[in-house]
Amino acid sequence: MTAAQFDARLKRARVLEGQYPFAAEGLRFYQRLAAFQQSLYCDIENSRPSQPGGGLREPLDLTALLPRFPGFLALMEEAAPAPLSSAARQLRTQGRPDWQRNLEDFWSGAGVRIPNPRSEDESEVNPLDQSLAWMFVQPYAEYLAGRGQPAGVNGTPPTCPLCGSKPIAGVLRPEGDGAKKSLVCMLCAHEWAFRRIYCPSCGEEREPQMAFYSAPEIEHVRVDVCDTCRTYLKTIDFTKTGLADPIVDELATVPLDLWARDHGYRKLQINLLGV
C-alpha cells in the first residue's frame, strides 16, 4: 500500500459518481473521506520513515494519529451523512481521553463485525463511534499491512491473516482460463486467497446452499449469498473490468445491497457508509 492507492480510489469514485447517480451522494462523501485518509497516511509515513511497520495487533500508536483526530471529526460533522455527522459532533465535545479510548477500543476489537446502526441487534458498542474510529485508523492499518507479513495460513481463513478482521468484499481475478477468488480486509485492505465455494461466515461448502446474483446494469459486481446462515458478501469481478477498486465499487453498488436485504440476507460486514 502506498499513498498513490488513495489517488486510484479517488479517481474511481469520481468515475462511478458519474455512472451511478443513485450512489453519487455517498461517493462524494467518500471522496472527502479518502482525501483525508491519504493526507493522514502521508503523515504516518513521514513520521515513521525508518521504523518497521509493526504488527496490526500491537497497541495502537497514537503519536501521529491523535493530533489529527479533531480535524477528522470536524470533517465528519460537515460532510458525513446525518447519523455520522451527529455522532462526530458529540464525540468532538468529549475531549482527548474519550477520543483515545474510542480509538483503542476499536483497534483492540476490530476483528468483530461492526453492528449496523439500523439493525435491532443488541450491542454495548456504539456502532457510529466505531464506524468513525474505523474510518480514521484505516490508513494506519493499511500502512502497517504494507510492511507486515501474514502469518502462516492453513485452509480457508474467513478473517484477514494479517489483522483478524472480517472481509469487506470478495474479488475475482483472471487466472488461466478462469478466475481466482480472494477476500479483501475491511480494515487493512489486505487481500488473501479464498475458495470459490465456501461461506466466510459459517463455513458452508455445499454448492446447493451457495449462490450468487447480479444485475445487468452492474455486471462486474455480484452478491454471493449463503442460504444456510443467510449472509451475503459482494464480489467484484476483475475478469469483466480491470478498472474496479474493491472498496469503492463495493460502496457504489447500493442496489445490490437493497436486493439482498429485501430477500432476507444479512451483510457479513457493513461498509464505510454503514450499508
Protein backbone atom coordinates (compact mmCIF):
# COMPACT_ATOMS: atom_id res chain seq x y z
CA MET A 1 0.00 0.00 0.00
CA THR A 2 1.24 3.49 -0.89
CA ALA A 3 -0.32 6.94 -0.83
CA ALA A 4 -0.85 6.57 -4.60
CA GLN A 5 -3.50 3.93 -3.92
CA PHE A 6 -5.71 6.66 -2.49
CA ASP A 7 -5.36 8.56 -5.78
CA ALA A 8 -6.66 5.46 -7.57
CA ARG A 9 -9.61 5.21 -5.19
CA LEU A 10 -10.45 8.89 -5.62
CA LYS A 11 -10.29 8.59 -9.39
CA ARG A 12 -12.53 5.52 -9.35
CA ALA A 13 -15.03 7.24 -7.05
CA ARG A 14 -15.28 10.19 -9.45
CA VAL A 15 -15.89 7.84 -12.39
CA LEU A 16 -18.60 5.89 -10.59
CA GLU A 17 -20.24 9.08 -9.34
CA GLY A 18 -20.96 9.89 -12.97
CA GLN A 19 -22.01 6.36 -13.89
CA TYR A 20 -24.24 5.59 -10.90
CA PRO A 21 -26.45 8.58 -9.95
CA PHE A 22 -28.05 6.50 -7.18
CA ALA A 23 -24.67 6.36 -5.40
CA ALA A 24 -23.48 9.90 -6.15
CA GLU A 25 -24.11 11.36 -2.69
CA GLY A 26 -22.31 8.54 -0.90
CA LEU A 27 -19.40 8.67 -3.33
CA ARG A 28 -18.99 12.42 -2.86
CA PHE A 29 -18.75 11.86 0.87
CA TYR A 30 -16.28 9.03 0.31
CA GLN A 31 -14.07 11.33 -1.78
CA ARG A 32 -13.86 13.79 1.13
CA LEU A 33 -13.01 10.91 3.45
CA ALA A 34 -10.44 9.33 1.12
CA ALA A 35 -8.66 12.67 0.64
CA PHE A 36 -8.33 12.97 4.42
CA GLN A 37 -7.16 9.37 4.70
CA GLN A 38 -4.49 9.98 2.07
CA SER A 39 -3.23 13.02 4.00
CA LEU A 40 -3.15 11.03 7.24
CA TYR A 41 -1.36 8.14 5.51
CA CYS A 42 1.35 10.56 4.36
CA ASP A 43 1.69 11.92 7.92
CA ILE A 44 2.14 8.38 9.25
CA GLU A 45 4.64 7.53 6.52
CA ASN A 46 6.66 10.68 7.23
CA SER A 47 6.66 10.15 10.99
CA ARG A 48 7.89 6.54 10.75
CA PRO A 49 10.37 6.64 7.83
CA SER A 50 12.91 4.23 9.25
CA GLN A 51 10.68 2.17 11.55
CA PRO A 52 9.26 -1.25 10.70
CA GLY A 53 5.54 -1.47 10.18
CA GLY A 54 4.90 -3.42 13.36
CA GLY A 55 2.04 -5.80 13.94
CA LEU A 56 -1.59 -4.98 13.39
CA ARG A 57 -2.47 -6.42 16.76
CA GLU A 58 0.12 -4.46 18.72
CA PRO A 59 -1.12 -1.48 20.78
CA LEU A 60 -2.28 1.46 18.72
CA ASP A 61 0.45 4.09 18.23
CA LEU A 62 -1.37 7.40 18.72
CA THR A 63 1.66 9.66 18.23
CA ALA A 64 0.82 10.60 14.64
CA LEU A 65 -2.89 9.87 14.91
CA LEU A 66 -4.41 11.72 17.83
CA PRO A 67 -3.37 15.27 16.75
CA ARG A 68 -5.33 14.75 13.52
CA PHE A 69 -8.48 13.39 15.19
CA PRO A 70 -10.18 16.75 15.95
CA GLY A 71 -9.83 17.78 12.29
CA PHE A 72 -11.24 14.44 11.22
CA LEU A 73 -14.27 14.86 13.48
CA ALA A 74 -14.82 18.37 12.13
CA LEU A 75 -14.77 16.98 8.58
CA MET A 76 -17.23 14.24 9.50
CA GLU A 77 -19.52 16.75 11.18
CA GLU A 78 -19.54 18.79 7.97
CA ALA A 79 -19.55 16.12 5.26
CA ALA A 80 -20.89 12.84 6.65
CA PRO A 81 -24.49 11.59 6.44
CA ALA A 82 -26.68 12.86 9.28
CA PRO A 83 -26.24 9.99 11.80
CA LEU A 84 -22.43 10.00 11.47
CA SER A 85 -22.35 13.79 11.50
CA SER A 86 -24.28 13.87 14.76
CA ALA A 87 -22.02 11.23 16.31
CA ALA A 88 -18.91 13.18 15.25
CA ARG A 89 -20.33 16.38 16.76
CA GLN A 90 -20.99 14.65 20.07
CA LEU A 91 -17.60 12.93 20.12
CA ARG A 92 -15.81 16.20 19.33
CA THR A 93 -17.15 17.72 22.57
CA GLN A 94 -15.83 14.89 24.74
CA GLY A 95 -12.11 15.60 24.61
CA ARG A 96 -8.84 13.73 24.25
CA PRO A 97 -9.28 10.93 26.86
CA ASP A 98 -12.56 9.81 25.28
CA TRP A 99 -11.08 10.07 21.77
CA GLN A 100 -8.17 7.87 22.78
CA ARG A 101 -10.46 5.35 24.47
CA ASN A 102 -12.73 5.17 21.42
CA LEU A 103 -9.83 4.55 19.03
CA GLU A 104 -8.17 1.99 21.28
CA ASP A 105 -11.46 0.15 21.87
CA PHE A 106 -11.99 -0.15 18.14
CA TRP A 107 -8.40 -1.19 17.46
CA SER A 108 -8.42 -3.94 20.08
CA GLY A 109 -11.69 -5.39 18.82
CA ALA A 110 -11.56 -4.65 15.11
CA GLY A 111 -12.00 -8.29 14.17
CA VAL A 112 -15.56 -8.09 15.48
CA ARG A 113 -18.24 -7.11 12.98
CA ILE A 114 -19.35 -3.51 13.46
CA PRO A 115 -23.12 -3.61 14.11
CA ASN A 116 -25.40 -1.95 11.62
CA PRO A 117 -26.88 1.20 13.25
CA ARG A 118 -30.23 0.37 11.63
CA SER A 119 -30.39 -3.17 12.99
CA GLU A 120 -32.06 -4.25 16.19
CA ASP A 121 -29.06 -6.29 17.32
CA GLU A 122 -28.25 -5.61 20.95
CA SER A 123 -24.68 -4.41 21.49
CA GLU A 124 -22.78 -2.46 24.09
CA VAL A 125 -20.72 -0.94 21.28
CA ASN A 126 -21.85 2.36 19.78
CA PRO A 127 -21.76 1.44 16.08
CA LEU A 128 -21.47 5.06 14.92
CA ASP A 129 -18.48 5.78 17.16
CA GLN A 130 -16.93 2.52 15.99
CA SER A 131 -17.52 3.48 12.35
CA LEU A 132 -15.80 6.82 12.93
CA ALA A 133 -12.84 5.07 14.53
CA TRP A 134 -12.72 2.62 11.61
CA MET A 135 -12.57 5.40 9.03
CA PHE A 136 -9.89 7.21 10.99
CA VAL A 137 -7.49 4.34 11.71
CA GLN A 138 -7.85 2.63 8.34
CA PRO A 139 -4.84 4.47 6.78
CA TYR A 140 -2.73 3.45 9.79
CA ALA A 141 -3.79 -0.18 9.37
CA GLU A 142 -3.04 -0.07 5.65
CA TYR A 143 0.39 1.43 6.36
CA LEU A 144 1.19 -1.44 8.74
CA ALA A 145 -0.23 -4.04 6.37
CA GLY A 146 2.07 -2.83 3.61
CA ARG A 147 5.06 -3.59 5.81
CA GLY A 148 3.90 -6.75 7.54
CA GLN A 149 3.85 -10.41 6.65
CA PRO A 150 0.77 -12.58 7.07
CA ALA A 151 1.03 -15.47 9.46
CA GLY A 152 1.15 -18.97 8.03
CA VAL A 153 -2.29 -19.78 6.70
CA ASN A 154 -3.84 -23.24 6.69
CA GLY A 155 -7.09 -23.97 4.89
CA THR A 156 -9.52 -21.14 4.12
CA PRO A 157 -9.28 -18.38 6.72
CA PRO A 158 -12.57 -16.44 6.96
CA THR A 159 -10.79 -13.44 8.53
CA CYS A 160 -7.73 -11.44 7.50
CA PRO A 161 -4.44 -13.31 8.06
CA LEU A 162 -2.76 -10.01 8.95
CA CYS A 163 -5.16 -8.41 11.41
CA GLY A 164 -8.02 -10.83 12.03
CA SER A 165 -10.74 -8.51 10.71
CA LYS A 166 -13.67 -9.53 8.54
CA PRO A 167 -13.71 -9.16 4.75
CA ILE A 168 -15.45 -6.18 3.19
CA ALA A 169 -15.67 -7.72 -0.28
CA GLY A 170 -14.62 -10.60 -2.46
CA VAL A 171 -12.54 -10.31 -5.61
CA LEU A 172 -12.31 -12.45 -8.74
CA ARG A 173 -9.07 -12.01 -10.69
CA PRO A 174 -8.16 -13.62 -14.02
CA GLU A 175 -6.16 -16.83 -13.72
CA GLY A 176 -5.59 -19.10 -16.69
CA ASP A 177 -8.93 -19.73 -18.38
CA GLY A 178 -10.91 -18.87 -15.26
CA ALA A 179 -10.77 -16.68 -12.19
CA LYS A 180 -9.20 -16.93 -8.76
CA LYS A 181 -11.13 -15.70 -5.73
CA SER A 182 -9.75 -13.57 -2.91
CA LEU A 183 -11.20 -11.65 0.03
CA VAL A 184 -10.33 -8.05 0.94
CA CYS A 185 -9.99 -7.00 4.58
CA MET A 186 -12.36 -4.32 5.88
CA LEU A 187 -9.60 -2.71 7.97
CA CYS A 188 -6.15 -3.07 6.41
CA ALA A 189 -7.26 -3.86 2.81
CA HIS A 190 -5.02 -6.95 2.71
CA GLU A 191 -6.15 -9.43 0.05
CA TRP A 192 -5.91 -13.17 0.63
CA ALA A 193 -6.82 -16.26 -1.42
CA PHE A 194 -10.15 -17.92 -0.70
CA ARG A 195 -12.09 -20.90 -2.00
CA ARG A 196 -14.76 -20.22 -4.62
CA ILE A 197 -17.46 -22.33 -2.94
CA TYR A 198 -17.16 -21.60 0.76
CA CYS A 199 -19.06 -19.29 3.11
CA PRO A 200 -16.79 -16.92 5.07
CA SER A 201 -19.49 -16.57 7.72
CA CYS A 202 -20.47 -20.14 8.62
CA GLY A 203 -18.11 -22.35 6.61
CA GLU A 204 -20.84 -23.84 4.42
CA GLU A 205 -19.34 -25.61 1.40
CA ARG A 206 -22.30 -27.46 -0.08
CA GLU A 207 -22.80 -25.99 -3.52
CA PRO A 208 -26.64 -26.05 -3.45
CA GLN A 209 -26.55 -23.74 -0.41
CA MET A 210 -24.32 -21.19 -2.11
CA ALA A 211 -25.46 -18.89 -4.90
CA PHE A 212 -24.70 -15.54 -6.50
CA TYR A 213 -26.84 -12.87 -8.10
CA SER A 214 -26.04 -9.90 -10.30
CA ALA A 215 -27.79 -7.09 -12.14
CA PRO A 216 -27.29 -6.31 -15.86
CA GLU A 217 -26.54 -2.65 -15.14
CA ILE A 218 -23.79 -3.61 -12.65
CA GLU A 219 -22.45 -6.71 -14.34
CA HIS A 220 -18.97 -6.62 -12.75
CA VAL A 221 -20.28 -6.90 -9.16
CA ARG A 222 -22.30 -9.78 -7.80
CA VAL A 223 -23.90 -10.76 -4.50
CA ASP A 224 -22.58 -14.03 -3.06
CA VAL A 225 -25.18 -15.47 -0.66
CA CYS A 226 -25.30 -18.39 1.74
CA ASP A 227 -28.72 -19.93 2.30
CA THR A 228 -27.51 -21.71 5.43
CA CYS A 229 -26.66 -18.63 7.53
CA ARG A 230 -28.47 -16.07 5.30
CA THR A 231 -25.45 -13.79 4.98
CA TYR A 232 -24.03 -12.16 1.86
CA LEU A 233 -20.87 -10.53 0.60
CA LYS A 234 -20.39 -8.62 -2.65
CA THR A 235 -17.68 -9.79 -5.05
CA ILE A 236 -16.00 -7.58 -7.64
CA ASP A 237 -15.18 -9.42 -10.87
CA PHE A 238 -11.95 -8.15 -12.43
CA THR A 239 -12.43 -10.51 -15.37
CA LYS A 240 -15.17 -8.12 -16.51
CA THR A 241 -13.35 -4.85 -15.80
CA GLY A 242 -9.80 -4.14 -14.76
CA LEU A 243 -10.71 -0.62 -13.68
CA ALA A 244 -12.57 -1.52 -10.49
CA ASP A 245 -11.44 -0.89 -6.94
CA PRO A 246 -12.83 -3.34 -4.35
CA ILE A 247 -13.51 -0.72 -1.68
CA VAL A 248 -15.02 1.91 -3.99
CA ASP A 249 -17.06 -0.43 -6.18
CA GLU A 250 -18.44 -2.14 -3.09
CA LEU A 251 -19.61 1.23 -1.80
CA ALA A 252 -21.12 2.30 -5.11
CA THR A 253 -23.33 -0.72 -5.81
CA VAL A 254 -26.12 0.08 -3.36
CA PRO A 255 -28.94 -1.57 -5.39
CA LEU A 256 -27.32 -4.96 -4.79
CA ASP A 257 -27.45 -4.36 -1.03
CA LEU A 258 -31.10 -3.40 -1.29
CA TRP A 259 -31.84 -6.56 -3.27
CA ALA A 260 -30.07 -8.73 -0.70
CA ARG A 261 -31.84 -7.07 2.22
CA ASP A 262 -35.23 -7.42 0.52
CA HIS A 263 -34.56 -11.14 0.10
CA GLY A 264 -33.74 -11.66 3.76
CA TYR A 265 -29.93 -11.73 3.65
CA ARG A 266 -27.72 -10.01 6.22
CA LYS A 267 -24.41 -8.45 5.23
CA LEU A 268 -21.29 -10.07 6.64
CA GLN A 269 -19.69 -6.65 7.22
CA ILE A 270 -21.22 -3.22 6.70
CA ASN A 271 -19.18 -0.76 4.64
CA LEU A 272 -17.89 2.73 5.41
CA LEU A 273 -21.29 4.21 4.57
CA GLY A 274 -23.00 1.95 7.11
CA VAL A 275 -24.69 -0.09 4.36
